[in-house]
Amino acid sequence: MTTVAYFDCFSGISGDMALGALLDAGADLEALRATLGRLGVAGWSLEAQRGMRGPLSGMRALVDAPETSHHRHLAEVCAIITAAALPPRVTRQSLAVFEALARAEGRIHGVAAEQVHFHEVGALDAIIDIVGVVAALEQLGVEQVYASPLPLGSGWTRSAHGRIPVPAPATLALLAAAGAPVTADTTPFELVTPTGAALLATLARFERPAARLSRVGYGLGARELERPNALRVWIGHAADDASADIVLLETNIDDQPAEQLAFALEQALAAGALDAWMTPIQMKKGRSATQLAVLVPAALEHALVELMMRETATLGIRRRSIARHVAGRSIVTVATPYGAVRFKRKYWAGHELLGAPEYEDCAALARQHQVPLRQIYAAVHAIIQGAEGVAAGDGSSALITSRLGSGHQPS
C-alpha cells in the first residue's frame, strides 16, 4: 500500500501552510523539531497553534526565524542540508527544491543558478519550511505527492527586489517549468508563494490520485480572506497498487565516470523515481560497462527519460511496463535512551510481518554517543518487542501507540 499525499490548494499554498497541514494530519512536532535540529543552524523555533479560518479548524505552523542581512547562495544552502545527516530522501528532495528555486531565480535575473543570491527563499525561515515539509512527508511515510490546480491571486507584493506583480516571477517560472495547471482566480493577494510553488513543482504530480483515505489535515495561512485561507492535505493509500502502471527504464553505458552515473541516479530519485540502481555488466568484445535502471510511475516516464538523456552519455533507453506486489508499511517513532529512531513496519494481507529501524537515524545516534551501531539497533528492537508484549498481555494497543508514536495501521 503506497502512501500518498494530495495537496488540495483551494486557497493556494505557502511553505508554512503545507507544514501546518502535515502537522494537522498527524506529523509529530517534537520529532520534526529533532530532525530540523540536525541542520546545525541557530536562531529559529517551530510551534504549532490550532485556530480557525472561517468555518474550518486547522493548524498554524509558526516558524520564528528573525531576518538578517545575510543572503545565502545555493552552495551555502546545499552545504547546510548535506551536512545535516538527514534521512537520504529528505536530503535529496530538499536539495532538489532549492535547486529548482535557484534555476527559476536565475532565469528571471539572467544569471547562473549558482550565482543567485537567495533572499526570501534563502532566509532561515524558508529553509525550515522546505526541509520541514519534506521531513514531515517522510515521517508520515508518504511516497508519492499530488496536487490540485492552483489559484494564484493577483495584485502586487513586496520582495527584496522591490514591488513585484502577483504571481511572483519565481512562482510563475517554477510552475511553468512543471507544466502546472492554474485556475482563473483574481483574489487581490498572493495565494501561491515561491516556496509553495517550489515544493509542488519539485515533489508533486498535478492530478488527484485514486486512494483510500486515512486522514485529512488543514494548514492555516496568516491572512484572513473572504474564503477560508487554508490548505488541505489528504493522506491515504493508493488504490489498486498491484496493477499500478510502472515503467522500468534501462540503459548500458561504457564511456562515462561512475560518479557522474551516481549523480544521475540521485537526480532520478529526487525527480520521483520509485527506485534506481547500477549494475556492472560486460558488453560485446568484453568491454566493462554499467547498466542504469530506473523504476518510475508511467506519468513520470517522459521526465525521467529526458533526465537520463541529459545526465548520461546514453544514445538509447529501453523501457518496459511491469507489475509489482507492494507490501504495506508504516513509520513509527521509537524513543530510546539514545534518542528518537524511526521504525518501519511491514504488512501483508492484513498481517504485520517484519520491521526494521531506519539506518540513518541509528547511524547518527551511534556517532553521537560513540557506541556500536548494533547497540542502537538492539535498543530499538528491545523497546518494540517489549511494547508488543505488553499489548498482547492486556489486549491494549494504546500503549504501543503512546510509546512509539502514531503510525498507519493496516486496513
Protein backbone atom coordinates (compact mmCIF):
# COMPACT_ATOMS: atom_id res chain seq x y z
CA MET A 1 0.00 0.00 0.00
CA THR A 2 1.80 3.10 -1.25
CA THR A 3 1.10 6.09 0.99
CA VAL A 4 0.14 9.21 -0.96
CA ALA A 5 -0.47 12.86 -0.09
CA TYR A 6 -2.76 15.13 -2.11
CA PHE A 7 -2.45 18.89 -1.55
CA ASP A 8 -5.89 20.40 -2.14
CA CYS A 9 -4.92 24.03 -2.80
CA PHE A 10 -8.33 25.74 -2.82
CA SER A 11 -6.74 28.90 -1.33
CA GLY A 12 -3.20 28.42 -2.61
CA ILE A 13 -0.11 27.17 -0.81
CA SER A 14 2.87 28.51 1.12
CA GLY A 15 5.61 26.69 2.98
CA ASP A 16 4.11 27.29 6.42
CA MET A 17 0.61 26.29 5.24
CA ALA A 18 1.98 22.99 3.91
CA LEU A 19 3.83 22.41 7.17
CA GLY A 20 0.71 23.18 9.21
CA ALA A 21 -1.43 20.84 7.10
CA LEU A 22 1.00 17.94 7.60
CA LEU A 23 1.16 18.59 11.35
CA ASP A 24 -2.64 18.59 11.47
CA ALA A 25 -2.62 15.31 9.52
CA GLY A 26 -0.51 13.60 12.16
CA ALA A 27 3.15 14.56 11.74
CA ASP A 28 4.82 14.70 15.16
CA LEU A 29 6.02 18.17 16.15
CA GLU A 30 8.75 17.03 18.55
CA ALA A 31 10.19 14.55 16.05
CA LEU A 32 10.11 17.27 13.39
CA ARG A 33 12.00 19.69 15.65
CA ALA A 34 14.60 16.99 16.30
CA THR A 35 15.08 16.43 12.57
CA LEU A 36 15.37 20.16 11.86
CA GLY A 37 17.82 20.47 14.72
CA ARG A 38 20.28 18.43 12.65
CA LEU A 39 20.64 21.39 10.28
CA GLY A 40 23.08 22.92 12.75
CA VAL A 41 21.73 26.47 12.41
CA ALA A 42 20.60 28.51 15.39
CA GLY A 43 18.03 31.25 15.87
CA TRP A 44 14.79 29.52 14.88
CA SER A 45 11.81 27.96 16.61
CA LEU A 46 8.80 25.98 15.39
CA GLU A 47 5.42 25.98 17.12
CA ALA A 48 2.00 24.66 16.11
CA GLN A 49 -1.14 26.55 17.05
CA ARG A 50 -4.69 25.39 16.42
CA GLY A 51 -7.04 28.00 15.03
CA MET A 52 -9.91 28.76 12.66
CA ARG A 53 -10.19 30.17 9.16
CA GLY A 54 -13.86 30.74 8.50
CA PRO A 55 -15.66 27.52 9.48
CA LEU A 56 -12.52 25.36 9.21
CA SER A 57 -10.35 24.27 12.12
CA GLY A 58 -6.70 23.64 11.35
CA MET A 59 -3.09 24.06 12.39
CA ARG A 60 -0.99 27.18 12.01
CA ALA A 61 2.74 26.42 11.76
CA LEU A 62 4.65 29.27 13.38
CA VAL A 63 8.27 29.47 12.28
CA ASP A 64 10.19 32.17 14.12
CA ALA A 65 13.49 32.98 12.43
CA PRO A 66 14.45 36.68 12.67
CA GLU A 67 15.52 38.38 9.44
CA THR A 68 19.23 39.02 8.90
CA SER A 69 21.15 40.90 6.24
CA HIS A 70 22.92 37.69 5.21
CA HIS A 71 21.77 36.31 1.85
CA ARG A 72 22.82 32.75 1.02
CA HIS A 73 23.97 31.35 -2.29
CA LEU A 74 22.73 27.95 -3.46
CA ALA A 75 26.01 26.32 -2.46
CA GLU A 76 25.68 27.54 1.13
CA VAL A 77 22.10 26.29 1.45
CA CYS A 78 23.06 22.93 -0.06
CA ALA A 79 26.04 22.64 2.31
CA ILE A 80 23.77 23.17 5.33
CA ILE A 81 21.38 20.45 4.17
CA THR A 82 24.05 17.99 3.05
CA ALA A 83 25.95 18.21 6.34
CA ALA A 84 22.82 17.65 8.45
CA ALA A 85 22.75 13.81 8.38
CA LEU A 86 19.08 13.86 7.40
CA PRO A 87 17.31 10.76 6.05
CA PRO A 88 18.55 10.26 2.46
CA ARG A 89 15.23 11.03 0.76
CA VAL A 90 14.80 14.18 2.88
CA THR A 91 18.26 15.34 1.81
CA ARG A 92 17.65 14.57 -1.88
CA GLN A 93 14.25 16.19 -2.08
CA SER A 94 15.21 19.27 -0.04
CA LEU A 95 18.22 19.86 -2.29
CA ALA A 96 16.04 19.39 -5.38
CA VAL A 97 13.56 22.03 -4.14
CA PHE A 98 16.31 24.61 -3.60
CA GLU A 99 17.96 23.78 -6.92
CA ALA A 100 14.60 24.37 -8.65
CA LEU A 101 14.30 27.72 -6.88
CA ALA A 102 17.81 28.71 -7.94
CA ARG A 103 17.13 27.79 -11.57
CA ALA A 104 13.92 29.83 -11.56
CA GLU A 105 15.57 32.87 -9.98
CA GLY A 106 18.50 32.54 -12.38
CA ARG A 107 16.22 32.60 -15.42
CA ILE A 108 14.47 35.70 -14.11
CA HIS A 109 17.65 37.65 -13.34
CA GLY A 110 19.73 36.32 -16.23
CA VAL A 111 22.43 34.63 -14.15
CA ALA A 112 23.54 31.05 -13.49
CA ALA A 113 21.75 29.21 -10.69
CA GLU A 114 25.00 29.09 -8.68
CA GLN A 115 25.25 32.90 -8.75
CA VAL A 116 21.74 33.54 -7.43
CA HIS A 117 21.56 35.40 -4.12
CA PHE A 118 18.68 33.82 -2.22
CA HIS A 119 16.67 36.49 -0.41
CA GLU A 120 13.26 35.48 0.88
CA VAL A 121 13.65 31.84 -0.20
CA GLY A 122 17.17 31.57 1.22
CA ALA A 123 16.24 33.02 4.58
CA LEU A 124 16.30 30.75 7.58
CA ASP A 125 12.50 30.51 7.85
CA ALA A 126 12.28 29.26 4.25
CA ILE A 127 14.94 26.61 4.94
CA ILE A 128 12.92 25.44 7.96
CA ASP A 129 9.70 25.46 5.90
CA ILE A 130 11.13 23.45 3.00
CA VAL A 131 13.14 20.90 4.96
CA GLY A 132 10.28 20.70 7.49
CA VAL A 133 7.69 19.86 4.82
CA VAL A 134 9.92 17.22 3.23
CA ALA A 135 10.74 15.74 6.66
CA ALA A 136 7.05 15.67 7.65
CA LEU A 137 6.18 13.81 4.44
CA GLU A 138 8.92 11.31 5.25
CA GLN A 139 7.66 10.97 8.83
CA LEU A 140 4.15 10.17 7.55
CA GLY A 141 5.57 7.55 5.17
CA VAL A 142 4.42 9.46 2.07
CA GLU A 143 5.96 8.06 -1.11
CA GLN A 144 4.00 9.94 -3.77
CA VAL A 145 2.81 13.56 -3.70
CA TYR A 146 -0.03 15.01 -5.77
CA ALA A 147 -1.57 18.47 -6.04
CA SER A 148 -4.67 20.21 -7.34
CA PRO A 149 -4.73 23.08 -9.86
CA LEU A 150 -3.52 26.31 -8.25
CA PRO A 151 -5.26 29.65 -7.72
CA LEU A 152 -2.53 32.27 -7.97
CA GLY A 153 -4.17 35.55 -6.91
CA SER A 154 -3.33 38.97 -8.35
CA GLY A 155 -2.06 42.43 -7.46
CA TRP A 156 1.35 43.37 -6.11
CA THR A 157 3.63 42.22 -3.30
CA ARG A 158 6.94 43.30 -1.83
CA SER A 159 10.22 41.44 -2.25
CA ALA A 160 13.92 42.04 -1.67
CA HIS A 161 13.98 43.49 -5.20
CA GLY A 162 11.11 45.92 -4.57
CA ARG A 163 7.45 45.68 -5.62
CA ILE A 164 6.70 42.80 -7.96
CA PRO A 165 3.48 41.61 -9.59
CA VAL A 166 1.45 38.68 -8.26
CA PRO A 167 2.05 35.88 -9.07
CA ALA A 168 5.71 36.47 -8.25
CA PRO A 169 8.05 35.90 -11.22
CA ALA A 170 9.77 33.00 -9.42
CA THR A 171 6.40 31.37 -8.73
CA LEU A 172 5.40 31.55 -12.39
CA ALA A 173 8.79 30.29 -13.59
CA LEU A 174 8.59 27.27 -11.28
CA LEU A 175 5.03 26.40 -12.26
CA ALA A 176 5.74 26.89 -15.97
CA ALA A 177 8.73 24.54 -15.77
CA ALA A 178 6.50 21.90 -14.16
CA GLY A 179 3.57 22.45 -16.54
CA ALA A 180 1.35 23.06 -13.53
CA PRO A 181 -2.38 23.75 -14.08
CA VAL A 182 -3.76 27.02 -12.68
CA THR A 183 -7.30 28.29 -12.13
CA ALA A 184 -8.90 31.62 -13.02
CA ASP A 185 -8.61 33.34 -9.64
CA THR A 186 -8.10 37.08 -9.22
CA THR A 187 -8.13 37.35 -5.43
CA PRO A 188 -6.11 40.55 -4.77
CA PHE A 189 -3.41 38.79 -2.73
CA GLU A 190 -0.53 36.38 -3.30
CA LEU A 191 -2.02 32.89 -2.87
CA VAL A 192 0.95 30.78 -4.02
CA THR A 193 4.37 31.77 -2.72
CA PRO A 194 7.66 30.84 -4.40
CA THR A 195 8.34 28.37 -1.58
CA GLY A 196 4.95 26.69 -2.04
CA ALA A 197 5.42 26.62 -5.82
CA ALA A 198 8.90 25.10 -5.49
CA LEU A 199 7.66 22.33 -3.19
CA LEU A 200 4.87 21.30 -5.55
CA ALA A 201 6.82 21.80 -8.79
CA THR A 202 9.57 19.55 -7.45
CA LEU A 203 7.67 16.91 -5.49
CA ALA A 204 4.13 16.67 -6.89
CA ARG A 205 2.17 15.38 -9.84
CA PHE A 206 -0.71 17.71 -10.67
CA GLU A 207 -3.62 15.27 -10.57
CA ARG A 208 -5.92 13.76 -7.95
CA PRO A 209 -4.97 10.14 -7.19
CA ALA A 210 -7.28 7.20 -6.67
CA ALA A 211 -6.73 6.37 -3.00
CA ARG A 212 -8.25 5.01 0.18
CA LEU A 213 -8.14 7.98 2.56
CA SER A 214 -6.95 7.63 6.14
CA ARG A 215 -6.62 11.22 7.42
CA VAL A 216 -7.03 14.87 6.43
CA GLY A 217 -5.19 17.94 7.68
CA TYR A 218 -5.71 21.70 7.32
CA GLY A 219 -2.85 24.20 7.33
CA LEU A 220 -3.86 27.78 8.09
CA GLY A 221 -2.49 30.84 6.34
CA ALA A 222 -1.69 34.08 8.17
CA ARG A 223 -4.12 36.30 6.27
CA GLU A 224 -7.89 36.44 6.77
CA LEU A 225 -9.70 36.22 3.41
CA GLU A 226 -13.35 36.20 2.41
CA ARG A 227 -12.99 32.44 1.96
CA PRO A 228 -11.12 30.10 4.33
CA ASN A 229 -7.39 30.78 3.92
CA ALA A 230 -6.28 27.20 4.39
CA LEU A 231 -4.53 24.37 2.59
CA ARG A 232 -5.97 20.86 2.83
CA VAL A 233 -3.86 17.70 2.60
CA TRP A 234 -5.38 14.26 2.08
CA ILE A 235 -3.34 11.27 3.24
CA GLY A 236 -4.18 7.75 2.14
CA HIS A 237 -3.09 4.60 0.35
CA ALA A 238 -3.00 4.45 -3.44
CA ALA A 239 -5.84 2.33 -4.78
CA ASP A 240 -5.06 -0.88 -6.68
CA ASP A 241 -1.31 -0.75 -6.14
CA ALA A 242 -0.71 -4.21 -7.60
CA SER A 243 -1.87 -3.10 -11.05
CA ALA A 244 -0.34 0.38 -10.95
CA ASP A 245 1.27 1.44 -14.21
CA ILE A 246 5.02 1.22 -13.56
CA VAL A 247 7.77 1.54 -16.17
CA LEU A 248 11.34 0.21 -15.97
CA LEU A 249 13.90 2.29 -17.87
CA GLU A 250 17.31 0.72 -18.62
CA THR A 251 20.45 1.75 -20.47
CA ASN A 252 24.03 0.40 -20.79
CA ILE A 253 26.93 2.88 -20.57
CA ASP A 254 30.64 2.21 -21.05
CA ASP A 255 32.09 5.69 -21.55
CA GLN A 256 31.18 7.78 -18.50
CA PRO A 257 32.74 8.10 -15.00
CA ALA A 258 30.98 6.28 -12.18
CA GLU A 259 30.47 9.43 -10.08
CA GLN A 260 28.52 11.04 -12.93
CA LEU A 261 26.28 7.99 -13.17
CA ALA A 262 25.75 8.06 -9.40
CA PHE A 263 24.73 11.72 -9.70
CA ALA A 264 22.24 10.80 -12.43
CA LEU A 265 20.63 8.24 -10.14
CA GLU A 266 20.42 10.80 -7.30
CA GLN A 267 18.66 13.21 -9.66
CA ALA A 268 16.27 10.48 -10.81
CA LEU A 269 15.25 9.67 -7.22
CA ALA A 270 14.77 13.36 -6.43
CA ALA A 271 12.58 13.68 -9.54
CA GLY A 272 10.18 10.99 -8.35
CA ALA A 273 11.68 7.65 -9.38
CA LEU A 274 10.47 4.80 -7.17
CA ASP A 275 13.92 3.20 -7.22
CA ALA A 276 17.18 3.46 -9.17
CA TRP A 277 20.29 1.29 -9.29
CA MET A 278 23.51 0.48 -11.14
CA THR A 279 24.76 -2.99 -12.15
CA PRO A 280 28.27 -3.82 -13.50
CA ILE A 281 28.00 -5.71 -16.82
CA GLN A 282 30.16 -6.83 -19.75
CA MET A 283 29.23 -5.75 -23.25
CA LYS A 284 30.41 -7.01 -26.63
CA LYS A 285 34.15 -7.53 -27.10
CA GLY A 286 34.45 -7.94 -23.31
CA ARG A 287 34.07 -4.22 -22.59
CA SER A 288 33.23 -3.39 -18.96
CA ALA A 289 30.14 -1.24 -18.60
CA THR A 290 27.39 -0.18 -16.22
CA GLN A 291 23.67 -0.76 -16.58
CA LEU A 292 21.49 2.02 -15.18
CA ALA A 293 17.94 1.07 -14.20
CA VAL A 294 15.23 3.47 -13.07
CA LEU A 295 11.77 2.40 -11.88
CA VAL A 296 9.18 5.14 -12.44
CA PRO A 297 5.42 5.74 -12.42
CA ALA A 298 4.22 5.88 -16.02
CA ALA A 299 3.20 9.52 -15.59
CA LEU A 300 6.85 10.45 -14.96
CA GLU A 301 8.35 8.39 -17.79
CA HIS A 302 8.88 11.33 -20.15
CA ALA A 303 10.53 13.49 -17.48
CA LEU A 304 12.87 10.68 -16.37
CA VAL A 305 13.84 9.79 -19.96
CA GLU A 306 14.72 13.44 -20.53
CA LEU A 307 16.77 13.49 -17.32
CA MET A 308 18.70 10.32 -18.28
CA MET A 309 19.39 11.69 -21.76
CA ARG A 310 20.68 14.92 -20.25
CA GLU A 311 22.77 13.44 -17.43
CA THR A 312 24.27 10.37 -19.13
CA ALA A 313 26.10 9.52 -22.36
CA THR A 314 23.41 7.07 -23.47
CA LEU A 315 22.15 7.04 -27.05
CA GLY A 316 19.06 4.99 -26.24
CA ILE A 317 16.92 3.82 -23.34
CA ARG A 318 14.96 0.58 -23.16
CA ARG A 319 11.56 0.62 -21.50
CA ARG A 320 9.04 -1.96 -20.42
CA SER A 321 5.88 -1.91 -18.37
CA ILE A 322 5.95 -4.08 -15.28
CA ALA A 323 3.63 -5.11 -12.47
CA ARG A 324 4.68 -5.47 -8.85
CA HIS A 325 3.39 -6.59 -5.48
CA VAL A 326 3.78 -3.91 -2.82
CA ALA A 327 3.75 -4.58 0.92
CA GLY A 328 2.06 -2.11 3.23
CA ARG A 329 4.22 -0.13 5.60
CA SER A 330 4.02 2.38 8.39
CA ILE A 331 6.57 4.54 10.17
CA VAL A 332 6.53 4.86 13.95
CA THR A 333 8.94 6.72 16.22
CA VAL A 334 10.70 4.82 19.00
CA ALA A 335 12.05 6.75 21.99
CA THR A 336 15.32 5.00 23.00
CA PRO A 337 17.80 6.02 25.73
CA TYR A 338 20.00 7.34 22.91
CA GLY A 339 17.30 9.38 21.14
CA ALA A 340 14.37 9.01 18.74
CA VAL A 341 14.56 6.41 15.95
CA ARG A 342 12.04 5.84 13.19
CA PHE A 343 10.95 2.19 12.78
CA LYS A 344 9.42 0.89 9.54
CA ARG A 345 6.75 -1.78 9.94
CA LYS A 346 5.75 -4.10 7.10
CA TYR A 347 2.28 -5.53 6.44
CA TRP A 348 0.98 -8.14 4.03
CA ALA A 349 -2.62 -9.38 3.74
CA GLY A 350 -3.53 -7.59 6.96
CA HIS A 351 -0.70 -9.17 8.98
CA GLU A 352 2.38 -7.47 10.38
CA LEU A 353 5.48 -9.34 9.22
CA LEU A 354 8.89 -7.77 9.65
CA GLY A 355 10.15 -4.40 10.78
CA ALA A 356 13.43 -2.54 10.79
CA PRO A 357 14.88 0.63 12.31
CA GLU A 358 15.86 3.39 9.88
CA TYR A 359 19.60 3.12 9.31
CA GLU A 360 20.25 6.87 9.06
CA ASP A 361 18.66 7.53 12.46
CA CYS A 362 20.60 4.69 14.11
CA ALA A 363 23.88 5.69 12.48
CA ALA A 364 23.51 9.30 13.61
CA LEU A 365 22.90 8.22 17.22
CA ALA A 366 25.80 5.75 17.13
CA ARG A 367 28.13 8.53 16.00
CA GLN A 368 26.71 10.98 18.55
CA HIS A 369 27.08 8.61 21.52
CA GLN A 370 30.17 6.77 20.15
CA VAL A 371 28.63 3.34 20.61
CA PRO A 372 28.45 0.38 18.16
CA LEU A 373 25.69 0.67 15.58
CA ARG A 374 24.36 -2.77 16.56
CA GLN A 375 23.80 -1.42 20.11
CA ILE A 376 21.33 1.17 18.79
CA TYR A 377 19.56 -1.50 16.71
CA ALA A 378 19.31 -3.76 19.76
CA ALA A 379 17.81 -0.97 21.87
CA VAL A 380 15.14 -0.26 19.26
CA HIS A 381 14.18 -3.93 18.87
CA ALA A 382 14.03 -4.39 22.65
CA ILE A 383 11.59 -1.49 23.02
CA ILE A 384 9.45 -2.68 20.09
CA GLN A 385 9.28 -6.23 21.42
CA GLY A 386 8.58 -5.04 24.96
CA ALA A 387 5.73 -2.78 23.88
CA GLU A 388 4.18 -5.54 21.76
CA GLY A 389 4.47 -7.97 24.64
CA VAL A 390 2.62 -5.63 26.99
CA ALA A 391 -0.08 -5.05 24.37
CA ALA A 392 -0.50 -8.78 23.82
CA GLY A 393 -0.83 -9.35 27.55
CA ASP A 394 -3.60 -6.82 28.27
CA GLY A 395 -5.27 -6.56 24.85
CA SER A 396 -4.49 -2.85 24.57
CA SER A 397 -2.89 -1.26 21.52
CA ALA A 398 -3.00 2.23 23.03
CA LEU A 399 0.22 1.57 24.97
CA ILE A 400 2.11 0.82 21.75
CA THR A 401 0.80 4.00 20.17
CA SER A 402 1.68 6.16 23.16
CA ARG A 403 5.16 4.70 23.48
CA LEU A 404 6.03 4.52 19.81
CA GLY A 405 4.15 7.42 18.26
CA SER A 406 1.41 7.40 15.67
CA GLY A 407 1.59 5.35 12.50
CA HIS A 408 -0.62 3.91 9.76
CA GLN A 409 -2.27 0.67 10.79
CA PRO A 410 -3.19 -1.99 8.24
CA SER A 411 -6.69 -1.64 6.89
